[in-house]
PDB file of N, CA and C in Angstrom:
ATOM      1  N   MET A   1       8.789   0.361  34.689  1.00  0.00           N
ATOM      2  CA  MET A   1       8.901  -0.846  33.889  1.00  0.00           C
ATOM      3  C   MET A   1      10.386  -1.224  33.821  1.00  0.00           C
ATOM      4  N   THR A   2      10.681  -2.495  34.009  1.00  0.00           N
ATOM      5  CA  THR A   2      12.063  -2.970  33.916  1.00  0.00           C
ATOM      6  C   THR A   2      12.238  -3.794  32.655  1.00  0.00           C
ATOM      7  N   TYR A   3      13.459  -3.825  32.173  1.00  0.00           N
ATOM      8  CA  TYR A   3      13.751  -4.531  30.938  1.00  0.00           C
ATOM      9  C   TYR A   3      14.842  -5.564  31.204  1.00  0.00           C
ATOM     10  N   GLU A   4      14.620  -6.768  30.689  1.00  0.00           N
ATOM     11  CA  GLU A   4      15.596  -7.837  30.883  1.00  0.00           C
ATOM     12  C   GLU A   4      16.888  -7.544  30.135  1.00  0.00           C
ATOM     13  N   SER A   5      16.762  -7.120  28.876  1.00  0.00           N
ATOM     14  CA  SER A   5      17.947  -6.748  28.113  1.00  0.00           C
ATOM     15  C   SER A   5      17.550  -5.829  26.976  1.00  0.00           C
ATOM     16  N   ILE A   6      18.473  -4.994  26.619  1.00  0.00           N
ATOM     17  CA  ILE A   6      18.289  -4.082  25.494  1.00  0.00           C
ATOM     18  C   ILE A   6      19.497  -4.244  24.591  1.00  0.00           C
ATOM     19  N   VAL A   7      19.254  -4.386  23.294  1.00  0.00           N
ATOM     20  CA  VAL A   7      20.333  -4.520  22.324  1.00  0.00           C
ATOM     21  C   VAL A   7      20.281  -3.309  21.405  1.00  0.00           C
ATOM     22  N   PHE A   8      21.407  -2.644  21.243  1.00  0.00           N
ATOM     23  CA  PHE A   8      21.506  -1.511  20.332  1.00  0.00           C
ATOM     24  C   PHE A   8      22.286  -1.956  19.111  1.00  0.00           C
ATOM     25  N   GLY A   9      21.841  -1.538  17.934  1.00  0.00           N
ATOM     26  CA  GLY A   9      22.536  -1.936  16.724  1.00  0.00           C
ATOM     27  C   GLY A   9      22.524  -0.837  15.696  1.00  0.00           C
ATOM     28  N   ASN A  10      23.463  -0.953  14.763  1.00  0.00           N
ATOM     29  CA  ASN A  10      23.564   0.002  13.669  1.00  0.00           C
ATOM     30  C   ASN A  10      24.051  -0.757  12.443  1.00  0.00           C
ATOM     31  N   ASP A  11      23.229  -0.796  11.409  1.00  0.00           N
ATOM     32  CA  ASP A  11      23.599  -1.463  10.164  1.00  0.00           C
ATOM     33  C   ASP A  11      24.047  -2.911  10.399  1.00  0.00           C
ATOM     34  N   ALA A  12      23.263  -3.659  11.147  1.00  0.00           N
ATOM     35  CA  ALA A  12      23.596  -5.050  11.452  1.00  0.00           C
ATOM     36  C   ALA A  12      23.506  -5.918  10.203  1.00  0.00           C
ATOM     37  N   ALA A  13      24.360  -6.903  10.127  1.00  0.00           N
ATOM     38  CA  ALA A  13      24.292  -7.871   9.028  1.00  0.00           C
ATOM     39  C   ALA A  13      22.978  -8.630   9.143  1.00  0.00           C
ATOM     40  N   TRP A  14      22.405  -9.058   8.007  1.00  0.00           N
ATOM     41  CA  TRP A  14      21.087  -9.684   8.014  1.00  0.00           C
ATOM     42  C   TRP A  14      21.000 -10.861   8.973  1.00  0.00           C
ATOM     43  N   GLY A  15      21.973 -11.753   9.011  1.00  0.00           N
ATOM     44  CA  GLY A  15      21.895 -12.927   9.873  1.00  0.00           C
ATOM     45  C   GLY A  15      21.696 -12.546  11.330  1.00  0.00           C
ATOM     46  N   GLY A  16      22.517 -11.641  11.826  1.00  0.00           N
ATOM     47  CA  GLY A  16      22.391 -11.199  13.211  1.00  0.00           C
ATOM     48  C   GLY A  16      21.144 -10.380  13.438  1.00  0.00           C
ATOM     49  N   TRP A  17      20.825  -9.509  12.488  1.00  0.00           N
ATOM     50  CA  TRP A  17      19.644  -8.660  12.623  1.00  0.00           C
ATOM     51  C   TRP A  17      18.374  -9.497  12.541  1.00  0.00           C
ATOM     52  N   GLY A  18      18.327 -10.445  11.628  1.00  0.00           N
ATOM     53  CA  GLY A  18      17.158 -11.316  11.522  1.00  0.00           C
ATOM     54  C   GLY A  18      16.918 -12.076  12.809  1.00  0.00           C
ATOM     55  N   GLN A  19      17.986 -12.544  13.414  1.00  0.00           N
ATOM     56  CA  GLN A  19      17.866 -13.266  14.684  1.00  0.00           C
ATOM     57  C   GLN A  19      17.372 -12.327  15.785  1.00  0.00           C
ATOM     58  N   CYS A  20      17.868 -11.100  15.796  1.00  0.00           N
ATOM     59  CA  CYS A  20      17.374 -10.113  16.770  1.00  0.00           C
ATOM     60  C   CYS A  20      15.881  -9.860  16.568  1.00  0.00           C
ATOM     61  N   LEU A  21      15.484  -9.654  15.323  1.00  0.00           N
ATOM     62  CA  LEU A  21      14.069  -9.403  15.049  1.00  0.00           C
ATOM     63  C   LEU A  21      13.198 -10.581  15.470  1.00  0.00           C
ATOM     64  N   ALA A  22      13.658 -11.777  15.200  1.00  0.00           N
ATOM     65  CA  ALA A  22      12.878 -12.971  15.524  1.00  0.00           C
ATOM     66  C   ALA A  22      12.700 -13.153  17.029  1.00  0.00           C
ATOM     67  N   ASN A  23      13.670 -12.684  17.811  1.00  0.00           N
ATOM     68  CA  ASN A  23      13.650 -12.920  19.255  1.00  0.00           C
ATOM     69  C   ASN A  23      13.286 -11.703  20.093  1.00  0.00           C
ATOM     70  N   ALA A  24      13.176 -10.548  19.470  1.00  0.00           N
ATOM     71  CA  ALA A  24      12.916  -9.315  20.219  1.00  0.00           C
ATOM     72  C   ALA A  24      11.491  -9.245  20.737  1.00  0.00           C
ATOM     73  N   SER A  25      11.333  -8.661  21.910  1.00  0.00           N
ATOM     74  CA  SER A  25       9.997  -8.374  22.437  1.00  0.00           C
ATOM     75  C   SER A  25       9.391  -7.196  21.698  1.00  0.00           C
ATOM     76  N   VAL A  26      10.244  -6.243  21.329  1.00  0.00           N
ATOM     77  CA  VAL A  26       9.841  -5.080  20.543  1.00  0.00           C
ATOM     78  C   VAL A  26      11.102  -4.511  19.896  1.00  0.00           C
ATOM     79  N   VAL A  27      10.955  -3.977  18.688  1.00  0.00           N
ATOM     80  CA  VAL A  27      12.069  -3.334  17.999  1.00  0.00           C
ATOM     81  C   VAL A  27      11.703  -1.860  17.800  1.00  0.00           C
ATOM     82  N   VAL A  28      12.691  -0.986  18.010  1.00  0.00           N
ATOM     83  CA  VAL A  28      12.476   0.455  17.942  1.00  0.00           C
ATOM     84  C   VAL A  28      13.530   1.061  17.033  1.00  0.00           C
ATOM     85  N   GLY A  29      13.118   1.935  16.120  1.00  0.00           N
ATOM     86  CA  GLY A  29      14.093   2.618  15.276  1.00  0.00           C
ATOM     87  C   GLY A  29      13.441   3.293  14.097  1.00  0.00           C
ATOM     88  N   ASN A  30      14.274   3.661  13.111  1.00  0.00           N
ATOM     89  CA  ASN A  30      13.752   4.311  11.911  1.00  0.00           C
ATOM     90  C   ASN A  30      14.153   3.568  10.642  1.00  0.00           C
ATOM     91  N   SER A  31      14.600   2.342  10.795  1.00  0.00           N
ATOM     92  CA  SER A  31      15.083   1.537   9.678  1.00  0.00           C
ATOM     93  C   SER A  31      13.931   0.988   8.826  1.00  0.00           C
ATOM     94  N   SER A  32      14.171   0.873   7.541  1.00  0.00           N
ATOM     95  CA  SER A  32      13.174   0.261   6.663  1.00  0.00           C
ATOM     96  C   SER A  32      12.934  -1.198   7.030  1.00  0.00           C
ATOM     97  N   SER A  33      13.894  -1.833   7.699  1.00  0.00           N
ATOM     98  CA  SER A  33      13.683  -3.240   8.070  1.00  0.00           C
ATOM     99  C   SER A  33      12.561  -3.397   9.089  1.00  0.00           C
ATOM    100  N   ILE A  34      12.229  -2.329   9.800  1.00  0.00           N
ATOM    101  CA  ILE A  34      11.070  -2.379  10.697  1.00  0.00           C
ATOM    102  C   ILE A  34       9.814  -2.593   9.860  1.00  0.00           C
ATOM    103  N   LEU A  35       9.764  -1.975   8.699  1.00  0.00           N
ATOM    104  CA  LEU A  35       8.619  -2.162   7.811  1.00  0.00           C
ATOM    105  C   LEU A  35       8.725  -3.463   7.019  1.00  0.00           C
ATOM    106  N   LEU A  36       9.910  -3.753   6.522  1.00  0.00           N
ATOM    107  CA  LEU A  36      10.084  -4.860   5.582  1.00  0.00           C
ATOM    108  C   LEU A  36      10.210  -6.227   6.248  1.00  0.00           C
ATOM    109  N   GLU A  37      10.939  -6.324   7.342  1.00  0.00           N
ATOM    110  CA  GLU A  37      11.224  -7.646   7.922  1.00  0.00           C
ATOM    111  C   GLU A  37      10.567  -7.936   9.263  1.00  0.00           C
ATOM    112  N   ALA A  38      10.381  -6.940  10.114  1.00  0.00           N
ATOM    113  CA  ALA A  38       9.842  -7.220  11.453  1.00  0.00           C
ATOM    114  C   ALA A  38       8.487  -7.914  11.371  1.00  0.00           C
ATOM    115  N   GLY A  39       7.685  -7.553  10.390  1.00  0.00           N
ATOM    116  CA  GLY A  39       6.374  -8.178  10.232  1.00  0.00           C
ATOM    117  C   GLY A  39       6.444  -9.655   9.905  1.00  0.00           C
ATOM    118  N   LEU A  40       7.491 -10.075   9.196  1.00  0.00           N
ATOM    119  CA  LEU A  40       7.641 -11.496   8.871  1.00  0.00           C
ATOM    120  C   LEU A  40       7.721 -12.347  10.133  1.00  0.00           C
ATOM    121  N   PHE A  41       8.298 -11.763  11.193  1.00  0.00           N
ATOM    122  CA  PHE A  41       8.448 -12.481  12.461  1.00  0.00           C
ATOM    123  C   PHE A  41       7.305 -12.190  13.426  1.00  0.00           C
ATOM    124  N   GLY A  42       6.436 -11.234  13.082  1.00  0.00           N
ATOM    125  CA  GLY A  42       5.375 -10.838  13.996  1.00  0.00           C
ATOM    126  C   GLY A  42       5.893 -10.026  15.165  1.00  0.00           C
ATOM    127  N   THR A  43       7.058  -9.426  14.997  1.00  0.00           N
ATOM    128  CA  THR A  43       7.687  -8.670  16.076  1.00  0.00           C
ATOM    129  C   THR A  43       7.032  -7.303  16.222  1.00  0.00           C
ATOM    130  N   PRO A  44       6.570  -6.966  17.418  1.00  0.00           N
ATOM    131  CA  PRO A  44       6.030  -5.629  17.646  1.00  0.00           C
ATOM    132  C   PRO A  44       7.115  -4.589  17.361  1.00  0.00           C
ATOM    133  N   ALA A  45       6.738  -3.497  16.729  1.00  0.00           N
ATOM    134  CA  ALA A  45       7.736  -2.516  16.311  1.00  0.00           C
ATOM    135  C   ALA A  45       7.240  -1.100  16.520  1.00  0.00           C
ATOM    136  N   VAL A  46       8.192  -0.218  16.799  1.00  0.00           N
ATOM    137  CA  VAL A  46       7.922   1.210  16.924  1.00  0.00           C
ATOM    138  C   VAL A  46       8.814   1.917  15.910  1.00  0.00           C
ATOM    139  N   LEU A  47       8.191   2.574  14.955  1.00  0.00           N
ATOM    140  CA  LEU A  47       8.911   3.287  13.897  1.00  0.00           C
ATOM    141  C   LEU A  47       8.983   4.762  14.276  1.00  0.00           C
ATOM    142  N   VAL A  48      10.192   5.255  14.484  1.00  0.00           N
ATOM    143  CA  VAL A  48      10.410   6.603  15.015  1.00  0.00           C
ATOM    144  C   VAL A  48      10.733   7.587  13.898  1.00  0.00           C
ATOM    145  N   GLY A  49      10.024   8.720  13.900  1.00  0.00           N
ATOM    146  CA  GLY A  49      10.324   9.791  12.972  1.00  0.00           C
ATOM    147  C   GLY A  49       9.690   9.611  11.606  1.00  0.00           C
ATOM    148  N   ALA A  50      10.087  10.478  10.685  1.00  0.00           N
ATOM    149  CA  ALA A  50       9.447  10.553   9.370  1.00  0.00           C
ATOM    150  C   ALA A  50      10.268   9.922   8.254  1.00  0.00           C
ATOM    151  N   ARG A  51      11.359   9.251   8.573  1.00  0.00           N
ATOM    152  CA  ARG A  51      12.260   8.722   7.553  1.00  0.00           C
ATOM    153  C   ARG A  51      11.549   7.795   6.565  1.00  0.00           C
ATOM    154  N   GLN A  52      10.591   6.994   7.027  1.00  0.00           N
ATOM    155  CA  GLN A  52       9.904   6.038   6.161  1.00  0.00           C
ATOM    156  C   GLN A  52       8.529   6.551   5.725  1.00  0.00           C
ATOM    157  N   GLU A  53       8.286   7.830   5.913  1.00  0.00           N
ATOM    158  CA  GLU A  53       6.993   8.426   5.595  1.00  0.00           C
ATOM    159  C   GLU A  53       6.563   8.111   4.162  1.00  0.00           C
ATOM    160  N   GLY A  54       5.301   7.765   3.990  1.00  0.00           N
ATOM    161  CA  GLY A  54       4.757   7.467   2.676  1.00  0.00           C
ATOM    162  C   GLY A  54       4.779   5.987   2.320  1.00  0.00           C
ATOM    163  N   ARG A  55       5.459   5.174   3.114  1.00  0.00           N
ATOM    164  CA  ARG A  55       5.509   3.733   2.844  1.00  0.00           C
ATOM    165  C   ARG A  55       4.355   3.040   3.561  1.00  0.00           C
ATOM    166  N   GLU A  56       3.926   1.925   3.001  1.00  0.00           N
ATOM    167  CA  GLU A  56       2.872   1.146   3.642  1.00  0.00           C
ATOM    168  C   GLU A  56       3.382   0.592   4.971  1.00  0.00           C
ATOM    169  N   VAL A  57       2.532   0.663   5.994  1.00  0.00           N
ATOM    170  CA  VAL A  57       2.934   0.267   7.346  1.00  0.00           C
ATOM    171  C   VAL A  57       2.190  -1.000   7.755  1.00  0.00           C
ATOM    172  N   PRO A  58       2.916  -2.089   8.014  1.00  0.00           N
ATOM    173  CA  PRO A  58       2.287  -3.333   8.461  1.00  0.00           C
ATOM    174  C   PRO A  58       1.609  -3.164   9.824  1.00  0.00           C
ATOM    175  N   ARG A  59       0.717  -4.076  10.154  1.00  0.00           N
ATOM    176  CA  ARG A  59      -0.080  -3.960  11.379  1.00  0.00           C
ATOM    177  C   ARG A  59       0.735  -4.088  12.666  1.00  0.00           C
ATOM    178  N   ASN A  60       1.948  -4.615  12.601  1.00  0.00           N
ATOM    179  CA  ASN A  60       2.773  -4.769  13.799  1.00  0.00           C
ATOM    180  C   ASN A  60       3.553  -3.509  14.163  1.00  0.00           C
ATOM    181  N   VAL A  61       3.382  -2.438  13.386  1.00  0.00           N
ATOM    182  CA  VAL A  61       4.182  -1.226  13.550  1.00  0.00           C
ATOM    183  C   VAL A  61       3.325  -0.067  14.054  1.00  0.00           C
ATOM    184  N   ILE A  62       3.840   0.620  15.073  1.00  0.00           N
ATOM    185  CA  ILE A  62       3.262   1.880  15.535  1.00  0.00           C
ATOM    186  C   ILE A  62       4.226   2.978  15.117  1.00  0.00           C
ATOM    187  N   GLU A  63       3.720   3.999  14.428  1.00  0.00           N
ATOM    188  CA  GLU A  63       4.539   5.138  14.021  1.00  0.00           C
ATOM    189  C   GLU A  63       4.441   6.234  15.075  1.00  0.00           C
ATOM    190  N   VAL A  64       5.589   6.819  15.448  1.00  0.00           N
ATOM    191  CA  VAL A  64       5.606   7.885  16.449  1.00  0.00           C
ATOM    192  C   VAL A  64       6.597   8.964  16.038  1.00  0.00           C
ATOM    193  N   PRO A  65       6.362  10.190  16.537  1.00  0.00           N
ATOM    194  CA  PRO A  65       7.372  11.232  16.323  1.00  0.00           C
ATOM    195  C   PRO A  65       8.596  10.956  17.188  1.00  0.00           C
ATOM    196  N   ALA A  66       9.682  11.632  16.886  1.00  0.00           N
ATOM    197  CA  ALA A  66      10.947  11.408  17.587  1.00  0.00           C
ATOM    198  C   ALA A  66      10.988  12.187  18.900  1.00  0.00           C
ATOM    199  N   ASP A  67      10.130  11.793  19.849  1.00  0.00           N
ATOM    200  CA  ASP A  67      10.211  12.376  21.184  1.00  0.00           C
ATOM    201  C   ASP A  67      10.063  11.270  22.226  1.00  0.00           C
ATOM    202  N   VAL A  68      10.696  11.485  23.353  1.00  0.00           N
ATOM    203  CA  VAL A  68      10.817  10.449  24.383  1.00  0.00           C
ATOM    204  C   VAL A  68       9.455   9.925  24.836  1.00  0.00           C
ATOM    205  N   ARG A  69       8.525  10.800  25.114  1.00  0.00           N
ATOM    206  CA  ARG A  69       7.214  10.377  25.621  1.00  0.00           C
ATOM    207  C   ARG A  69       6.488   9.481  24.624  1.00  0.00           C
ATOM    208  N   SER A  70       6.461   9.883  23.360  1.00  0.00           N
ATOM    209  CA  SER A  70       5.777   9.093  22.330  1.00  0.00           C
ATOM    210  C   SER A  70       6.423   7.718  22.170  1.00  0.00           C
ATOM    211  N   ILE A  71       7.745   7.690  22.169  1.00  0.00           N
ATOM    212  CA  ILE A  71       8.463   6.418  22.019  1.00  0.00           C
ATOM    213  C   ILE A  71       8.170   5.510  23.214  1.00  0.00           C
ATOM    214  N   ARG A  72       8.279   6.051  24.422  1.00  0.00           N
ATOM    215  CA  ARG A  72       8.033   5.265  25.636  1.00  0.00           C
ATOM    216  C   ARG A  72       6.612   4.682  25.626  1.00  0.00           C
ATOM    217  N   GLU A  73       5.623   5.507  25.318  1.00  0.00           N
ATOM    218  CA  GLU A  73       4.232   5.043  25.311  1.00  0.00           C
ATOM    219  C   GLU A  73       4.020   3.945  24.266  1.00  0.00           C
ATOM    220  N   ALA A  74       4.615   4.110  23.096  1.00  0.00           N
ATOM    221  CA  ALA A  74       4.460   3.107  22.039  1.00  0.00           C
ATOM    222  C   ALA A  74       5.140   1.794  22.420  1.00  0.00           C
ATOM    223  N   VAL A  75       6.331   1.869  23.001  1.00  0.00           N
ATOM    224  CA  VAL A  75       7.039   0.653  23.429  1.00  0.00           C
ATOM    225  C   VAL A  75       6.220  -0.070  24.485  1.00  0.00           C
ATOM    226  N   GLU A  76       5.743   0.656  25.485  1.00  0.00           N
ATOM    227  CA  GLU A  76       4.942   0.034  26.543  1.00  0.00           C
ATOM    228  C   GLU A  76       3.684  -0.598  25.971  1.00  0.00           C
ATOM    229  N   SER A  77       3.050   0.077  25.021  1.00  0.00           N
ATOM    230  CA  SER A  77       1.856  -0.464  24.373  1.00  0.00           C
ATOM    231  C   SER A  77       2.167  -1.753  23.615  1.00  0.00           C
ATOM    232  N   GLN A  78       3.257  -1.749  22.867  1.00  0.00           N
ATOM    233  CA  GLN A  78       3.642  -2.929  22.094  1.00  0.00           C
ATOM    234  C   GLN A  78       4.011  -4.101  23.011  1.00  0.00           C
ATOM    235  N   LEU A  79       4.640  -3.816  24.148  1.00  0.00           N
ATOM    236  CA  LEU A  79       4.983  -4.885  25.086  1.00  0.00           C
ATOM    237  C   LEU A  79       3.729  -5.536  25.663  1.00  0.00           C
ATOM    238  N   VAL A  80       2.675  -4.757  25.849  1.00  0.00           N
ATOM    239  CA  VAL A  80       1.404  -5.303  26.338  1.00  0.00           C
ATOM    240  C   VAL A  80       0.753  -6.171  25.262  1.00  0.00           C
ATOM    241  N   VAL A  81       0.775  -5.691  24.031  1.00  0.00           N
ATOM    242  CA  VAL A  81       0.165  -6.423  22.911  1.00  0.00           C
ATOM    243  C   VAL A  81       0.894  -7.743  22.678  1.00  0.00           C
ATOM    244  N   GLY A  82       2.208  -7.708  22.700  1.00  0.00           N
ATOM    245  CA  GLY A  82       2.984  -8.924  22.430  1.00  0.00           C
ATOM    246  C   GLY A  82       3.098  -9.194  20.942  1.00  0.00           C
ATOM    247  N   ARG A  83       3.457 -10.416  20.607  1.00  0.00           N
ATOM    248  CA  ARG A  83       3.709 -10.779  19.211  1.00  0.00           C
ATOM    249  C   ARG A  83       2.434 -10.718  18.371  1.00  0.00           C
ATOM    250  N   TYR A  84       2.635 -10.385  17.121  1.00  0.00           N
ATOM    251  CA  TYR A  84       1.564 -10.347  16.131  1.00  0.00           C
ATOM    252  C   TYR A  84       1.660 -11.603  15.262  1.00  0.00           C
ATOM    253  N   ARG A  85       0.600 -11.892  14.556  1.00  0.00           N
ATOM    254  CA  ARG A  85       0.716 -12.935  13.534  1.00  0.00           C
ATOM    255  C   ARG A  85       1.614 -12.374  12.430  1.00  0.00           C
ATOM    256  N   PRO A  86       2.384 -13.230  11.771  1.00  0.00           N
ATOM    257  CA  PRO A  86       3.255 -12.737  10.695  1.00  0.00           C
ATOM    258  C   PRO A  86       2.477 -11.901   9.682  1.00  0.00           C
ATOM    259  N   ASP A  87       3.119 -10.862   9.194  1.00  0.00           N
ATOM    260  CA  ASP A  87       2.512  -9.947   8.234  1.00  0.00           C
ATOM    261  C   ASP A  87       3.360  -9.964   6.967  1.00  0.00           C
ATOM    262  N   TYR A  88       2.719 -10.224   5.845  1.00  0.00           N
ATOM    263  CA  TYR A  88       3.443 -10.361   4.576  1.00  0.00           C
ATOM    264  C   TYR A  88       3.169  -9.182   3.642  1.00  0.00           C
ATOM    265  N   THR A  89       2.999  -7.986   4.224  1.00  0.00           N
ATOM    266  CA  THR A  89       2.750  -6.777   3.435  1.00  0.00           C
ATOM    267  C   THR A  89       3.788  -6.612   2.331  1.00  0.00           C
ATOM    268  N   TYR A  90       5.042  -6.892   2.637  1.00  0.00           N
ATOM    269  CA  TYR A  90       6.125  -6.711   1.675  1.00  0.00           C
ATOM    270  C   TYR A  90       6.634  -8.033   1.122  1.00  0.00           C
ATOM    271  N   GLY A  91       5.815  -9.074   1.142  1.00  0.00           N
ATOM    272  CA  GLY A  91       6.187 -10.356   0.564  1.00  0.00           C
ATOM    273  C   GLY A  91       6.489 -11.399   1.620  1.00  0.00           C
ATOM    274  N   PHE A  92       6.939 -12.558   1.154  1.00  0.00           N
ATOM    275  CA  PHE A  92       7.150 -13.704   2.025  1.00  0.00           C
ATOM    276  C   PHE A  92       8.620 -13.958   2.329  1.00  0.00           C
ATOM    277  N   GLY A  93       9.501 -13.043   1.928  1.00  0.00           N
ATOM    278  CA  GLY A  93      10.922 -13.217   2.189  1.00  0.00           C
ATOM    279  C   GLY A  93      11.626 -14.095   1.174  1.00  0.00           C
ATOM    280  N   ASP A  94      10.931 -14.421   0.076  1.00  0.00           N
ATOM    281  CA  ASP A  94      11.520 -15.303  -0.937  1.00  0.00           C
ATOM    282  C   ASP A  94      11.692 -14.602  -2.288  1.00  0.00           C
ATOM    283  N   GLY A  95      11.710 -13.285  -2.257  1.00  0.00           N
ATOM    284  CA  GLY A  95      11.785 -12.517  -3.503  1.00  0.00           C
ATOM    285  C   GLY A  95      13.011 -12.834  -4.346  1.00  0.00           C
ATOM    286  N   ALA A  96      14.174 -12.942  -3.720  1.00  0.00           N
ATOM    287  CA  ALA A  96      15.412 -13.217  -4.468  1.00  0.00           C
ATOM    288  C   ALA A  96      15.336 -14.568  -5.171  1.00  0.00           C
ATOM    289  N   ASP A  97      14.831 -15.590  -4.488  1.00  0.00           N
ATOM    290  CA  ASP A  97      14.699 -16.917  -5.102  1.00  0.00           C
ATOM    291  C   ASP A  97      13.727 -16.881  -6.277  1.00  0.00           C
ATOM    292  N   ARG A  98      12.618 -16.177  -6.108  1.00  0.00           N
ATOM    293  CA  ARG A  98      11.635 -16.089  -7.191  1.00  0.00           C
ATOM    294  C   ARG A  98      12.213 -15.369  -8.404  1.00  0.00           C
ATOM    295  N   ILE A  99      12.925 -14.278  -8.170  1.00  0.00           N
ATOM    296  CA  ILE A  99      13.534 -13.522  -9.271  1.00  0.00           C
ATOM    297  C   ILE A  99      14.573 -14.375  -9.988  1.00  0.00           C
ATOM    298  N   ALA A 100      15.431 -15.069  -9.225  1.00  0.00           N
ATOM    299  CA  ALA A 100      16.460 -15.929  -9.824  1.00  0.00           C
ATOM    300  C   ALA A 100      15.820 -17.028 -10.667  1.00  0.00           C
ATOM    301  N   SER A 101      14.733 -17.592 -10.190  1.00  0.00           N
ATOM    302  CA  SER A 101      14.033 -18.643 -10.925  1.00  0.00           C
ATOM    303  C   SER A 101      13.478 -18.118 -12.255  1.00  0.00           C
ATOM    304  N   ILE A 102      12.909 -16.937 -12.231  1.00  0.00           N
ATOM    305  CA  ILE A 102      12.357 -16.331 -13.448  1.00  0.00           C
ATOM    306  C   ILE A 102      13.469 -16.040 -14.453  1.00  0.00           C
ATOM    307  N   ILE A 103      14.600 -15.503 -13.968  1.00  0.00           N
ATOM    308  CA  ILE A 103      15.726 -15.208 -14.860  1.00  0.00           C
ATOM    309  C   ILE A 103      16.283 -16.495 -15.455  1.00  0.00           C
ATOM    310  N   LYS A 104      16.422 -17.532 -14.631  1.00  0.00           N
ATOM    311  CA  LYS A 104      16.914 -18.823 -15.108  1.00  0.00           C
ATOM    312  C   LYS A 104      15.982 -19.386 -16.174  1.00  0.00           C
ATOM    313  N   GLU A 105      14.696 -19.322 -15.920  1.00  0.00           N
ATOM    314  CA  GLU A 105      13.708 -19.818 -16.893  1.00  0.00           C
ATOM    315  C   GLU A 105      13.826 -19.056 -18.206  1.00  0.00           C
ATOM    316  N   TRP A 106      13.996 -17.749 -18.119  1.00  0.00           N
ATOM    317  CA  TRP A 106      14.136 -16.918 -19.309  1.00  0.00           C
ATOM    318  C   TRP A 106      15.409 -17.277 -20.064  1.00  0.00           C
ATOM    319  N   LEU A 107      16.534 -17.444 -19.342  1.00  0.00           N
ATOM    320  CA  LEU A 107      17.789 -17.800 -19.992  1.00  0.00           C
ATOM    321  C   LEU A 107      17.731 -19.188 -20.620  1.00  0.00           C
ATOM    322  N   ASP A 108      17.109 -20.139 -19.946  1.00  0.00           N
ATOM    323  CA  ASP A 108      16.983 -21.500 -20.472  1.00  0.00           C
ATOM    324  C   ASP A 108      16.136 -21.534 -21.742  1.00  0.00           C
ATOM    325  N   ALA A 109      15.217 -20.599 -21.877  1.00  0.00           N
ATOM    326  CA  ALA A 109      14.333 -20.571 -23.048  1.00  0.00           C
ATOM    327  C   ALA A 109      15.026 -19.999 -24.279  1.00  0.00           C
ATOM    328  N   LYS A 110      16.172 -19.343 -24.098  1.00  0.00           N
ATOM    329  CA  LYS A 110      16.889 -18.723 -25.237  1.00  0.00           C
ATOM    330  C   LYS A 110      17.644 -19.752 -26.027  1.00  0.00           C
TER     331      LYS A 110
END
């Protein structure tokens, strides 16, 4: 299997990371953003290792142990599946606005 491009990142700022997630064919890693944000874009994802163990896993995510064969098989599988419909397991991405609105309403009522 050949790949057009691969992007490696570490602690990317949201703007750049969000754009990567929105445009990626598949995202691989152990970051919570694979659970929290990749689903918003419908991006196929491979969650490696046990770091996020116990958290709810959206339908766009395949969990695998940290070994080369498992990761390769999951990536190839996700590339065949392609994009998913957006998944809002962890909300719609508007949590900060909703919280600010509630706080403002509470302050205005005082």
